[in-house]
């Protein structure tokens, strides 16, 4: 159980940091790539996070 708790805590930490840092990065990306490019980057990052989270959160260790 501690491994799962640590993975979930790490995931939530990065998710919560994303609210502040994501706005700043999105602003810079919008200036460089335009709105369309920024939305694509956000979609790719969101998909990657969604695909990796279950792998990191699932506890496969035998008790």
N, C-alpha and C. Protein backbone atom coordinates (compact mmCIF):
# COMPACT_ATOMS: atom_id res chain seq x y z
N UNK A 1 0.81 -1.21 0.00
CA UNK A 1 0.00 0.00 0.00
C UNK A 1 0.85 1.27 0.00
N UNK A 2 1.98 1.37 0.69
CA UNK A 2 2.75 2.60 0.69
C UNK A 2 3.23 3.00 -0.71
N UNK A 3 3.53 2.02 -1.56
CA UNK A 3 3.99 2.33 -2.91
C UNK A 3 2.89 3.05 -3.70
N UNK A 4 1.67 2.56 -3.56
CA UNK A 4 0.55 3.19 -4.26
C UNK A 4 0.31 4.60 -3.73
N UNK A 5 0.37 4.75 -2.43
CA UNK A 5 0.16 6.08 -1.83
C UNK A 5 1.21 7.07 -2.31
N UNK A 6 2.45 6.64 -2.39
CA UNK A 6 3.51 7.52 -2.88
C UNK A 6 3.31 7.90 -4.34
N UNK A 7 2.91 6.92 -5.16
CA UNK A 7 2.67 7.19 -6.58
C UNK A 7 1.51 8.15 -6.76
N UNK A 8 0.45 7.94 -5.99
CA UNK A 8 -0.71 8.82 -6.08
C UNK A 8 -0.36 10.23 -5.60
N UNK A 9 0.41 10.33 -4.54
CA UNK A 9 0.85 11.64 -4.05
C UNK A 9 1.70 12.38 -5.07
N UNK A 10 2.60 11.66 -5.72
CA UNK A 10 3.45 12.28 -6.75
C UNK A 10 2.60 12.75 -7.92
N UNK A 11 1.67 11.92 -8.34
CA UNK A 11 0.79 12.29 -9.46
C UNK A 11 -0.03 13.54 -9.11
N UNK A 12 -0.58 13.58 -7.92
CA UNK A 12 -1.40 14.73 -7.52
C UNK A 12 -0.54 15.99 -7.37
N UNK A 13 0.70 15.83 -6.89
CA UNK A 13 1.60 16.98 -6.78
C UNK A 13 1.81 17.62 -8.15
N UNK A 14 2.16 16.81 -9.15
CA UNK A 14 2.40 17.35 -10.48
C UNK A 14 1.13 17.91 -11.10
N UNK A 15 0.01 17.27 -10.83
CA UNK A 15 -1.26 17.78 -11.34
C UNK A 15 -1.57 19.15 -10.74
N UNK A 16 -1.37 19.29 -9.44
CA UNK A 16 -1.67 20.56 -8.77
C UNK A 16 -0.70 21.66 -9.19
N UNK A 17 0.57 21.32 -9.37
CA UNK A 17 1.56 22.30 -9.86
C UNK A 17 1.16 22.78 -11.26
N UNK A 18 0.53 21.89 -12.01
CA UNK A 18 0.13 22.21 -13.38
C UNK A 18 -0.83 23.38 -13.48
N UNK A 19 -1.63 23.60 -12.44
CA UNK A 19 -2.56 24.73 -12.49
C UNK A 19 -1.81 26.06 -12.59
N UNK A 20 -0.74 26.21 -11.87
CA UNK A 20 0.03 27.46 -11.90
C UNK A 20 1.03 27.46 -13.06
N UNK A 21 1.85 26.43 -13.11
CA UNK A 21 2.89 26.37 -14.14
C UNK A 21 2.29 26.22 -15.53
N UNK A 22 1.20 25.47 -15.62
CA UNK A 22 0.56 25.25 -16.91
C UNK A 22 0.08 26.54 -17.55
N UNK A 23 -0.44 27.45 -16.77
CA UNK A 23 -0.91 28.72 -17.30
C UNK A 23 0.27 29.54 -17.85
N UNK A 24 1.37 29.52 -17.12
CA UNK A 24 2.55 30.26 -17.58
C UNK A 24 3.13 29.64 -18.86
N UNK A 25 3.26 28.33 -18.86
CA UNK A 25 3.80 27.64 -20.04
C UNK A 25 2.87 27.80 -21.24
N UNK A 26 1.57 27.71 -21.01
CA UNK A 26 0.61 27.88 -22.10
C UNK A 26 0.71 29.28 -22.70
N UNK A 27 0.93 30.27 -21.87
CA UNK A 27 1.09 31.63 -22.38
C UNK A 27 2.31 31.78 -23.26
N UNK A 28 3.41 31.18 -22.83
CA UNK A 28 4.64 31.23 -23.63
C UNK A 28 4.45 30.45 -24.94
N UNK A 29 3.87 29.25 -24.83
CA UNK A 29 3.62 28.45 -26.03
C UNK A 29 2.69 29.15 -27.00
N UNK A 30 1.68 29.82 -26.50
CA UNK A 30 0.75 30.54 -27.36
C UNK A 30 1.47 31.64 -28.13
N UNK A 31 2.44 32.27 -27.48
CA UNK A 31 3.21 33.29 -28.15
C UNK A 31 4.12 32.72 -29.23
N UNK A 32 4.61 31.51 -29.00
CA UNK A 32 5.54 30.88 -29.95
C UNK A 32 4.80 30.06 -31.02
N UNK A 33 3.86 29.24 -30.61
CA UNK A 33 3.19 28.31 -31.52
C UNK A 33 1.83 28.77 -32.00
N UNK A 34 1.27 29.74 -31.33
CA UNK A 34 -0.10 30.14 -31.63
C UNK A 34 -1.07 29.30 -30.81
N UNK A 35 -2.33 29.68 -30.85
CA UNK A 35 -3.35 28.99 -30.04
C UNK A 35 -3.52 27.54 -30.46
N UNK A 36 -3.56 27.27 -31.75
CA UNK A 36 -3.77 25.91 -32.25
C UNK A 36 -2.65 24.98 -31.77
N UNK A 37 -1.41 25.42 -31.90
CA UNK A 37 -0.27 24.60 -31.46
C UNK A 37 -0.28 24.36 -29.96
N UNK A 38 -0.68 25.36 -29.21
CA UNK A 38 -0.74 25.24 -27.76
C UNK A 38 -1.79 24.21 -27.34
N UNK A 39 -2.93 24.21 -28.00
CA UNK A 39 -3.98 23.24 -27.69
C UNK A 39 -3.51 21.83 -28.00
N UNK A 40 -2.79 21.65 -29.10
CA UNK A 40 -2.26 20.32 -29.46
C UNK A 40 -1.26 19.85 -28.41
N UNK A 41 -0.35 20.72 -27.98
CA UNK A 41 0.61 20.35 -26.95
C UNK A 41 -0.11 19.97 -25.66
N UNK A 42 -1.10 20.73 -25.26
CA UNK A 42 -1.87 20.41 -24.05
C UNK A 42 -2.58 19.07 -24.18
N UNK A 43 -3.12 18.78 -25.35
CA UNK A 43 -3.81 17.50 -25.56
C UNK A 43 -2.84 16.33 -25.47
N UNK A 44 -1.66 16.48 -26.03
CA UNK A 44 -0.65 15.40 -25.98
C UNK A 44 -0.19 15.17 -24.54
N UNK A 45 0.06 16.23 -23.80
CA UNK A 45 0.49 16.09 -22.41
C UNK A 45 -0.61 15.46 -21.55
N UNK A 46 -1.85 15.85 -21.78
CA UNK A 46 -2.96 15.28 -21.03
C UNK A 46 -3.12 13.80 -21.33
N UNK A 47 -3.01 13.43 -22.59
CA UNK A 47 -3.13 12.01 -22.97
C UNK A 47 -1.99 11.20 -22.37
N UNK A 48 -0.78 11.73 -22.42
CA UNK A 48 0.37 11.02 -21.84
C UNK A 48 0.18 10.81 -20.34
N UNK A 49 -0.29 11.83 -19.66
CA UNK A 49 -0.54 11.73 -18.23
C UNK A 49 -1.60 10.67 -17.93
N UNK A 50 -2.66 10.68 -18.71
CA UNK A 50 -3.73 9.71 -18.52
C UNK A 50 -3.29 8.28 -18.78
N UNK A 51 -2.38 8.09 -19.73
CA UNK A 51 -1.88 6.75 -20.04
C UNK A 51 -0.86 6.26 -19.01
N UNK A 52 -0.08 7.16 -18.47
CA UNK A 52 0.96 6.77 -17.51
C UNK A 52 0.44 6.62 -16.09
N UNK A 53 -0.56 7.40 -15.71
CA UNK A 53 -1.05 7.38 -14.33
C UNK A 53 -1.51 6.00 -13.87
N UNK A 54 -2.32 5.28 -14.64
CA UNK A 54 -2.74 3.95 -14.15
C UNK A 54 -1.56 3.00 -13.95
N UNK A 55 -0.58 3.12 -14.78
CA UNK A 55 0.61 2.26 -14.64
C UNK A 55 1.35 2.56 -13.35
N UNK A 56 1.48 3.84 -13.01
CA UNK A 56 2.22 4.23 -11.81
C UNK A 56 1.40 4.03 -10.56
N UNK A 57 0.09 4.18 -10.64
CA UNK A 57 -0.75 4.12 -9.45
C UNK A 57 -1.11 2.68 -9.08
N UNK A 58 -1.27 1.81 -10.06
CA UNK A 58 -1.65 0.43 -9.79
C UNK A 58 -0.59 -0.27 -8.97
N UNK A 59 -0.99 -0.84 -7.87
CA UNK A 59 -0.07 -1.54 -7.00
C UNK A 59 -0.07 -3.03 -7.37
N UNK A 60 1.02 -3.49 -7.94
CA UNK A 60 1.10 -4.89 -8.38
C UNK A 60 1.90 -5.76 -7.40
N UNK A 61 2.45 -5.15 -6.37
CA UNK A 61 3.24 -5.91 -5.39
C UNK A 61 2.33 -6.82 -4.57
N UNK A 62 2.82 -8.01 -4.30
CA UNK A 62 2.06 -8.96 -3.46
C UNK A 62 2.23 -8.59 -2.00
N UNK A 63 1.16 -8.65 -1.26
CA UNK A 63 1.21 -8.29 0.16
C UNK A 63 1.83 -9.36 1.00
